[in-house]
Structure formats: structure tokens, C-alpha cells
Amino acid sequence: MKAAAIDPLLNPPARLQIAAVLAQVDDVEFARLREIVGVSDSVLSKHLGALGEAGYVRLRKAAVEGRQRTWAGFTRKGRRAFAAHIAALHALVASAEQAIAAE
């Protein structure tokens, strides 16, 4: 059996959650993403930084009502990487289901 092409950058649970949110929107405000994923500011910043360094995520900053806000969104590369990662996860699950059914 050939191993599925799991993307190690997207595999950690918090990053997978971040990617799942970003796949559904054009961009999301940092505080909202933090609430959805349920992590601290520093943990979210670290994950977004790693995804940004890989070219998967873009960050946009702007002042809103005098306060600095940050929004995160997938790049085209990030969307493609996430789609490939999800396809690899589906293939992995299908393979496991076939093995279980054959028992």
C-alpha cells in the first residue's frame, strides 16, 4: 500500500482546524479564528506564522476604530495544499475501511 501524501505542515490538529476554517471563507479576523480554534493568541500566531512561511496563508492588517486588527486567509497555494491534504486523508480512511471490511 502506498502511503497517502499527508502534508506534515497541515497535519497538527490546530493547523487542521485553522485550515478548515480558512477553506470556508475569503478571510477571517484573528480574534474570531482564535475563538473557533480555541487556542491562545500566541499559539494561533505561531501556527499562522508557520503557515505563512510556507506560503499557505496571507495576513492582512488594518486599523478599525483606532485598533489594529489582523485577518488571515488562504493563498492559492494554501487552498491547493489543503485540498490535497484532505484528499490524502480521504484515501487513508478508505484504505483503512477496506482493510477492516476484509477482516
C-alpha atoms as a PDB file:
ATOM      1  CA  MET A   1       0.000   0.000   0.000  1.00  0.00           C
ATOM      2  CA  LYS A   2       1.360   3.429  -0.980  1.00  0.00           C
ATOM      3  CA  ALA A   3       1.331   5.968   1.849  1.00  0.00           C
ATOM      4  CA  ALA A   4      -1.059   8.894   1.433  1.00  0.00           C
ATOM      5  CA  ALA A   5       0.562  12.279   0.813  1.00  0.00           C
ATOM      6  CA  ILE A   6      -0.273  13.760   4.200  1.00  0.00           C
ATOM      7  CA  ASP A   7       1.057  17.324   4.460  1.00  0.00           C
ATOM      8  CA  PRO A   8       3.032  17.458   7.729  1.00  0.00           C
ATOM      9  CA  LEU A   9       2.542  21.227   7.870  1.00  0.00           C
ATOM     10  CA  LEU A  10      -1.263  20.838   7.898  1.00  0.00           C
ATOM     11  CA  ASN A  11      -1.434  17.675   9.999  1.00  0.00           C
ATOM     12  CA  PRO A  12      -1.239  19.094  13.564  1.00  0.00           C
ATOM     13  CA  PRO A  13      -4.803  19.333  14.935  1.00  0.00           C
ATOM     14  CA  ALA A  14      -4.807  23.113  15.487  1.00  0.00           C
ATOM     15  CA  ARG A  15      -3.460  23.747  11.969  1.00  0.00           C
ATOM     16  CA  LEU A  16      -6.016  21.379  10.504  1.00  0.00           C
ATOM     17  CA  GLN A  17      -8.756  23.333  12.307  1.00  0.00           C
ATOM     18  CA  ILE A  18      -7.317  26.645  11.091  1.00  0.00           C
ATOM     19  CA  ALA A  19      -7.185  25.335   7.535  1.00  0.00           C
ATOM     20  CA  ALA A  20     -10.750  24.016   7.731  1.00  0.00           C
ATOM     21  CA  VAL A  21     -11.964  27.486   8.746  1.00  0.00           C
ATOM     22  CA  LEU A  22      -9.894  29.270   6.104  1.00  0.00           C
ATOM     23  CA  ALA A  23     -11.212  26.918   3.414  1.00  0.00           C
ATOM     24  CA  GLN A  24     -14.726  28.241   4.061  1.00  0.00           C
ATOM     25  CA  VAL A  25     -14.021  31.981   3.905  1.00  0.00           C
ATOM     26  CA  ASP A  26     -12.052  34.587   1.965  1.00  0.00           C
ATOM     27  CA  ASP A  27     -10.532  35.751   5.238  1.00  0.00           C
ATOM     28  CA  VAL A  28     -11.290  35.709   8.947  1.00  0.00           C
ATOM     29  CA  GLU A  29     -10.419  38.124  11.739  1.00  0.00           C
ATOM     30  CA  PHE A  30      -7.714  36.845  14.104  1.00  0.00           C
ATOM     31  CA  ALA A  31      -9.872  37.043  17.250  1.00  0.00           C
ATOM     32  CA  ARG A  32     -12.703  35.106  15.596  1.00  0.00           C
ATOM     33  CA  LEU A  33     -10.300  32.422  14.361  1.00  0.00           C
ATOM     34  CA  ARG A  34      -8.802  32.180  17.867  1.00  0.00           C
ATOM     35  CA  GLU A  35     -12.301  31.629  19.330  1.00  0.00           C
ATOM     36  CA  ILE A  36     -13.204  28.960  16.770  1.00  0.00           C
ATOM     37  CA  VAL A  37      -9.967  27.032  17.161  1.00  0.00           C
ATOM     38  CA  GLY A  38      -9.879  27.502  20.936  1.00  0.00           C
ATOM     39  CA  VAL A  39      -6.220  28.426  21.315  1.00  0.00           C
ATOM     40  CA  SER A  40      -4.331  31.345  22.828  1.00  0.00           C
ATOM     41  CA  ASP A  41      -3.136  34.356  20.832  1.00  0.00           C
ATOM     42  CA  SER A  42       0.453  33.106  20.962  1.00  0.00           C
ATOM     43  CA  VAL A  43      -0.431  29.587  19.773  1.00  0.00           C
ATOM     44  CA  LEU A  44      -2.531  30.942  16.894  1.00  0.00           C
ATOM     45  CA  SER A  45       0.232  33.402  15.948  1.00  0.00           C
ATOM     46  CA  LYS A  46       2.782  30.587  15.903  1.00  0.00           C
ATOM     47  CA  HIS A  47       0.619  28.389  13.656  1.00  0.00           C
ATOM     48  CA  LEU A  48      -0.276  31.251  11.318  1.00  0.00           C
ATOM     49  CA  GLY A  49       3.403  32.170  11.158  1.00  0.00           C
ATOM     50  CA  ALA A  50       4.374  28.648  10.104  1.00  0.00           C
ATOM     51  CA  LEU A  51       1.578  28.523   7.525  1.00  0.00           C
ATOM     52  CA  GLY A  52       2.579  31.972   6.290  1.00  0.00           C
ATOM     53  CA  GLU A  53       6.246  30.996   5.911  1.00  0.00           C
ATOM     54  CA  ALA A  54       5.148  28.077   3.734  1.00  0.00           C
ATOM     55  CA  GLY A  55       3.119  30.441   1.571  1.00  0.00           C
ATOM     56  CA  TYR A  56      -0.193  28.856   2.612  1.00  0.00           C
ATOM     57  CA  VAL A  57      -1.645  31.841   4.478  1.00  0.00           C
ATOM     58  CA  ARG A  58      -1.602  35.604   3.973  1.00  0.00           C
ATOM     59  CA  LEU A  59      -2.147  38.053   6.792  1.00  0.00           C
ATOM     60  CA  ARG A  60      -3.721  41.463   6.329  1.00  0.00           C
ATOM     61  CA  LYS A  61      -3.569  44.169   8.984  1.00  0.00           C
ATOM     62  CA  ALA A  62      -5.660  47.318   9.225  1.00  0.00           C
ATOM     63  CA  ALA A  63      -6.828  49.798  11.830  1.00  0.00           C
ATOM     64  CA  VAL A  64     -10.523  49.524  12.679  1.00  0.00           C
ATOM     65  CA  GLU A  65     -11.971  52.122  15.043  1.00  0.00           C
ATOM     66  CA  GLY A  66      -8.459  53.014  16.146  1.00  0.00           C
ATOM     67  CA  ARG A  67      -7.447  49.414  16.921  1.00  0.00           C
ATOM     68  CA  GLN A  68      -5.098  47.261  14.906  1.00  0.00           C
ATOM     69  CA  ARG A  69      -6.836  44.164  13.513  1.00  0.00           C
ATOM     70  CA  THR A  70      -5.426  41.165  11.661  1.00  0.00           C
ATOM     71  CA  TRP A  71      -7.193  38.961   9.141  1.00  0.00           C
ATOM     72  CA  ALA A  72      -5.951  35.617   7.826  1.00  0.00           C
ATOM     73  CA  GLY A  73      -6.825  33.952   4.558  1.00  0.00           C
ATOM     74  CA  PHE A  74      -5.585  31.134   2.377  1.00  0.00           C
ATOM     75  CA  THR A  75      -3.348  31.832  -0.571  1.00  0.00           C
ATOM     76  CA  ARG A  76      -3.967  29.896  -3.777  1.00  0.00           C
ATOM     77  CA  LYS A  77      -1.068  27.627  -2.765  1.00  0.00           C
ATOM     78  CA  GLY A  78      -2.641  27.078   0.663  1.00  0.00           C
ATOM     79  CA  ARG A  79      -6.024  26.145  -0.815  1.00  0.00           C
ATOM     80  CA  ARG A  80      -4.377  23.633  -3.154  1.00  0.00           C
ATOM     81  CA  ALA A  81      -2.278  22.176  -0.336  1.00  0.00           C
ATOM     82  CA  PHE A  82      -5.325  21.817   1.908  1.00  0.00           C
ATOM     83  CA  ALA A  83      -7.349  20.168  -0.871  1.00  0.00           C
ATOM     84  CA  ALA A  84      -4.506  17.686  -1.483  1.00  0.00           C
ATOM     85  CA  HIS A  85      -4.207  17.027   2.267  1.00  0.00           C
ATOM     86  CA  ILE A  86      -7.950  16.343   2.560  1.00  0.00           C
ATOM     87  CA  ALA A  87      -7.777  14.020  -0.467  1.00  0.00           C
ATOM     88  CA  ALA A  88      -4.892  12.143   1.199  1.00  0.00           C
ATOM     89  CA  LEU A  89      -6.896  11.826   4.422  1.00  0.00           C
ATOM     90  CA  HIS A  90      -9.893  10.501   2.464  1.00  0.00           C
ATOM     91  CA  ALA A  91      -7.645   7.942   0.727  1.00  0.00           C
ATOM     92  CA  LEU A  92      -6.191   6.880   4.067  1.00  0.00           C
ATOM     93  CA  VAL A  93      -9.651   6.402   5.578  1.00  0.00           C
ATOM     94  CA  ALA A  94     -10.891   4.491   2.515  1.00  0.00           C
ATOM     95  CA  SER A  95      -7.888   2.180   2.690  1.00  0.00           C
ATOM     96  CA  ALA A  96      -8.476   1.529   6.398  1.00  0.00           C
ATOM     97  CA  GLU A  97     -12.180   0.875   5.791  1.00  0.00           C
ATOM     98  CA  GLN A  98     -11.337  -1.662   3.083  1.00  0.00           C
ATOM     99  CA  ALA A  99      -8.923  -3.448   5.388  1.00  0.00           C
ATOM    100  CA  ILE A 100     -11.483  -3.571   8.186  1.00  0.00           C
ATOM    101  CA  ALA A 101     -14.213  -4.813   5.843  1.00  0.00           C
ATOM    102  CA  ALA A 102     -11.904  -7.601   4.583  1.00  0.00           C
ATOM    103  CA  GLU A 103     -11.411  -8.999   8.090  1.00  0.00           C
END
